[in-house]
Amino acid sequence: MLSIGKVFWLIIILAAVWYIFKIVEKRKINLANNKQKNENINKKGIDAFKCDVCGLWSTGKKCNNKECSNSK
């Protein structure tokens, strides 16, 4: 038989389960965001430029391509 007390406790239990899942989902999202931030911090970029003559990407002040007229 369905009574007011049973319906009340059913609603309480459903609300508790709902909020537990919301908390768990927020933790997953926060962990994923923190992991992405840590990965971005650990990546280091290099200073490079693209040579206008040969199109080769090089580090330093001049082109590293031996066949390029801009490297001399």
N, C-alpha and C. Protein backbone atom coordinates (compact mmCIF):
# COMPACT_ATOMS: atom_id res chain seq x y z
N MET A 1 0.83 -1.18 0.00
CA MET A 1 0.00 0.00 0.00
C MET A 1 0.88 1.25 0.00
N LEU A 2 0.49 2.23 -0.74
CA LEU A 2 1.21 3.48 -0.84
C LEU A 2 0.69 4.45 0.22
N SER A 3 1.60 4.96 1.01
CA SER A 3 1.18 5.92 2.03
C SER A 3 2.02 7.20 1.89
N ILE A 4 1.61 8.21 2.62
CA ILE A 4 2.30 9.50 2.58
C ILE A 4 3.73 9.34 3.08
N GLY A 5 3.95 8.56 4.10
CA GLY A 5 5.29 8.36 4.64
C GLY A 5 6.22 7.69 3.64
N LYS A 6 5.73 6.70 2.93
CA LYS A 6 6.54 6.01 1.93
C LYS A 6 6.89 6.94 0.77
N VAL A 7 5.94 7.73 0.31
CA VAL A 7 6.18 8.67 -0.78
C VAL A 7 7.20 9.72 -0.33
N PHE A 8 7.07 10.20 0.91
CA PHE A 8 8.01 11.18 1.44
C PHE A 8 9.42 10.62 1.46
N TRP A 9 9.62 9.42 1.97
CA TRP A 9 10.95 8.83 2.04
C TRP A 9 11.50 8.51 0.65
N LEU A 10 10.63 8.13 -0.26
CA LEU A 10 11.06 7.89 -1.64
C LEU A 10 11.60 9.17 -2.27
N ILE A 11 10.92 10.27 -2.06
CA ILE A 11 11.37 11.56 -2.59
C ILE A 11 12.70 11.96 -1.95
N ILE A 12 12.85 11.75 -0.65
CA ILE A 12 14.10 12.07 0.05
C ILE A 12 15.25 11.25 -0.52
N ILE A 13 15.04 9.96 -0.71
CA ILE A 13 16.08 9.08 -1.24
C ILE A 13 16.45 9.47 -2.67
N LEU A 14 15.47 9.76 -3.51
CA LEU A 14 15.74 10.17 -4.89
C LEU A 14 16.52 11.48 -4.93
N ALA A 15 16.17 12.43 -4.06
CA ALA A 15 16.89 13.70 -4.02
C ALA A 15 18.33 13.49 -3.57
N ALA A 16 18.55 12.61 -2.59
CA ALA A 16 19.91 12.34 -2.11
C ALA A 16 20.75 11.71 -3.22
N VAL A 17 20.21 10.75 -3.92
CA VAL A 17 20.93 10.10 -5.02
C VAL A 17 21.22 11.11 -6.12
N TRP A 18 20.28 11.98 -6.44
CA TRP A 18 20.46 13.01 -7.45
C TRP A 18 21.64 13.91 -7.10
N TYR A 19 21.67 14.40 -5.85
CA TYR A 19 22.75 15.30 -5.45
C TYR A 19 24.10 14.60 -5.36
N ILE A 20 24.11 13.34 -5.00
CA ILE A 20 25.38 12.59 -4.98
C ILE A 20 25.95 12.50 -6.39
N PHE A 21 25.10 12.21 -7.38
CA PHE A 21 25.57 12.14 -8.76
C PHE A 21 26.04 13.50 -9.25
N LYS A 22 25.38 14.58 -8.87
CA LYS A 22 25.82 15.91 -9.26
C LYS A 22 27.19 16.22 -8.69
N ILE A 23 27.43 15.85 -7.44
CA ILE A 23 28.73 16.09 -6.80
C ILE A 23 29.82 15.30 -7.50
N VAL A 24 29.55 14.04 -7.79
CA VAL A 24 30.54 13.20 -8.46
C VAL A 24 30.86 13.75 -9.85
N GLU A 25 29.84 14.20 -10.58
CA GLU A 25 30.06 14.75 -11.92
C GLU A 25 30.90 16.03 -11.86
N LYS A 26 30.66 16.89 -10.89
CA LYS A 26 31.46 18.11 -10.74
C LYS A 26 32.91 17.78 -10.44
N ARG A 27 33.14 16.76 -9.63
CA ARG A 27 34.52 16.36 -9.33
C ARG A 27 35.23 15.86 -10.58
N LYS A 28 34.53 15.09 -11.40
CA LYS A 28 35.13 14.59 -12.64
C LYS A 28 35.51 15.75 -13.56
N ILE A 29 34.62 16.72 -13.68
CA ILE A 29 34.89 17.87 -14.54
C ILE A 29 36.08 18.66 -14.00
N ASN A 30 36.13 18.88 -12.69
CA ASN A 30 37.25 19.63 -12.10
C ASN A 30 38.57 18.90 -12.27
N LEU A 31 38.57 17.58 -12.11
CA LEU A 31 39.80 16.82 -12.30
C LEU A 31 40.27 16.89 -13.75
N ALA A 32 39.34 16.82 -14.69
CA ALA A 32 39.70 16.90 -16.10
C ALA A 32 40.27 18.29 -16.43
N ASN A 33 39.67 19.34 -15.88
CA ASN A 33 40.17 20.69 -16.13
C ASN A 33 41.55 20.88 -15.52
N ASN A 34 41.77 20.37 -14.33
CA ASN A 34 43.08 20.49 -13.69
C ASN A 34 44.14 19.73 -14.46
N LYS A 35 43.78 18.58 -14.99
CA LYS A 35 44.72 17.79 -15.77
C LYS A 35 45.12 18.53 -17.04
N GLN A 36 44.15 19.17 -17.71
CA GLN A 36 44.45 19.93 -18.91
C GLN A 36 45.35 21.13 -18.58
N LYS A 37 45.09 21.80 -17.48
CA LYS A 37 45.92 22.93 -17.09
C LYS A 37 47.34 22.49 -16.82
N ASN A 38 47.51 21.36 -16.14
CA ASN A 38 48.85 20.85 -15.85
C ASN A 38 49.59 20.46 -17.12
N GLU A 39 48.89 19.88 -18.08
CA GLU A 39 49.52 19.51 -19.34
C GLU A 39 49.96 20.75 -20.11
N ASN A 40 49.14 21.80 -20.08
CA ASN A 40 49.50 23.03 -20.79
C ASN A 40 50.68 23.72 -20.13
N ILE A 41 50.80 23.63 -18.81
CA ILE A 41 51.91 24.26 -18.11
C ILE A 41 53.22 23.53 -18.45
N ASN A 42 53.16 22.21 -18.57
CA ASN A 42 54.36 21.42 -18.81
C ASN A 42 54.89 21.54 -20.24
N LYS A 43 54.07 22.01 -21.16
CA LYS A 43 54.52 22.15 -22.55
C LYS A 43 55.34 23.43 -22.68
N LYS A 44 56.48 23.29 -23.29
CA LYS A 44 57.33 24.45 -23.53
C LYS A 44 57.42 24.67 -25.03
N GLY A 45 57.30 25.91 -25.42
CA GLY A 45 57.41 26.25 -26.83
C GLY A 45 58.84 26.58 -27.19
N ILE A 46 59.13 26.54 -28.46
CA ILE A 46 60.46 26.93 -28.93
C ILE A 46 60.31 28.18 -29.78
N ASP A 47 61.34 28.99 -29.77
CA ASP A 47 61.33 30.17 -30.62
C ASP A 47 61.82 29.76 -32.00
N ALA A 48 60.95 29.89 -32.98
CA ALA A 48 61.31 29.51 -34.34
C ALA A 48 60.72 30.53 -35.30
N PHE A 49 61.27 30.57 -36.48
CA PHE A 49 60.75 31.44 -37.52
C PHE A 49 60.77 30.69 -38.84
N LYS A 50 59.92 31.14 -39.74
CA LYS A 50 59.84 30.53 -41.06
C LYS A 50 60.61 31.40 -42.04
N CYS A 51 61.54 30.77 -42.73
CA CYS A 51 62.37 31.50 -43.70
C CYS A 51 61.50 31.95 -44.87
N ASP A 52 61.64 33.22 -45.26
CA ASP A 52 60.86 33.76 -46.37
C ASP A 52 61.29 33.20 -47.72
N VAL A 53 62.53 32.76 -47.82
CA VAL A 53 63.07 32.28 -49.10
C VAL A 53 62.71 30.82 -49.34
N CYS A 54 63.10 29.93 -48.39
CA CYS A 54 62.91 28.49 -48.61
C CYS A 54 61.70 27.92 -47.88
N GLY A 55 61.17 28.60 -46.87
CA GLY A 55 60.00 28.12 -46.16
C GLY A 55 60.31 27.16 -45.03
N LEU A 56 61.59 26.94 -44.73
CA LEU A 56 61.98 26.02 -43.67
C LEU A 56 61.86 26.72 -42.31
N TRP A 57 61.34 26.00 -41.34
CA TRP A 57 61.27 26.54 -39.97
C TRP A 57 62.61 26.31 -39.30
N SER A 58 63.17 27.35 -38.72
CA SER A 58 64.50 27.28 -38.11
C SER A 58 64.50 27.99 -36.76
N THR A 59 65.41 27.57 -35.91
CA THR A 59 65.63 28.27 -34.65
C THR A 59 66.86 29.16 -34.81
N GLY A 60 66.98 30.15 -33.99
CA GLY A 60 68.13 31.04 -34.07
C GLY A 60 67.82 32.27 -34.88
N LYS A 61 68.87 32.90 -35.36
CA LYS A 61 68.70 34.17 -36.07
C LYS A 61 68.76 34.03 -37.59
N LYS A 62 69.29 32.90 -38.09
CA LYS A 62 69.38 32.74 -39.53
C LYS A 62 68.84 31.37 -39.92
N CYS A 63 68.58 31.19 -41.19
CA CYS A 63 68.03 29.94 -41.73
C CYS A 63 69.07 28.81 -41.62
N ASN A 64 68.62 27.63 -41.23
CA ASN A 64 69.52 26.48 -41.08
C ASN A 64 69.64 25.63 -42.34
N ASN A 65 68.90 25.97 -43.39
CA ASN A 65 68.94 25.23 -44.62
C ASN A 65 70.21 25.58 -45.38
N LYS A 66 71.05 24.59 -45.69
CA LYS A 66 72.33 24.86 -46.37
C LYS A 66 72.14 25.33 -47.80
N GLU A 67 71.02 24.95 -48.42
CA GLU A 67 70.79 25.31 -49.81
C GLU A 67 70.08 26.66 -49.95
N CYS A 68 69.69 27.24 -48.87
CA CYS A 68 68.96 28.51 -48.90
C CYS A 68 69.93 29.68 -49.04
N SER A 69 69.57 30.66 -49.86
CA SER A 69 70.43 31.82 -50.05
C SER A 69 70.38 32.76 -48.84
N ASN A 70 69.39 32.60 -48.00
CA ASN A 70 69.22 33.43 -46.81
C ASN A 70 70.06 32.94 -45.65
N SER A 71 70.65 31.75 -45.74
CA SER A 71 71.40 31.17 -44.62
C SER A 71 72.83 31.69 -44.53
N LYS A 72 73.31 32.35 -45.53
CA LYS A 72 74.69 32.80 -45.55
C LYS A 72 74.87 34.17 -44.99
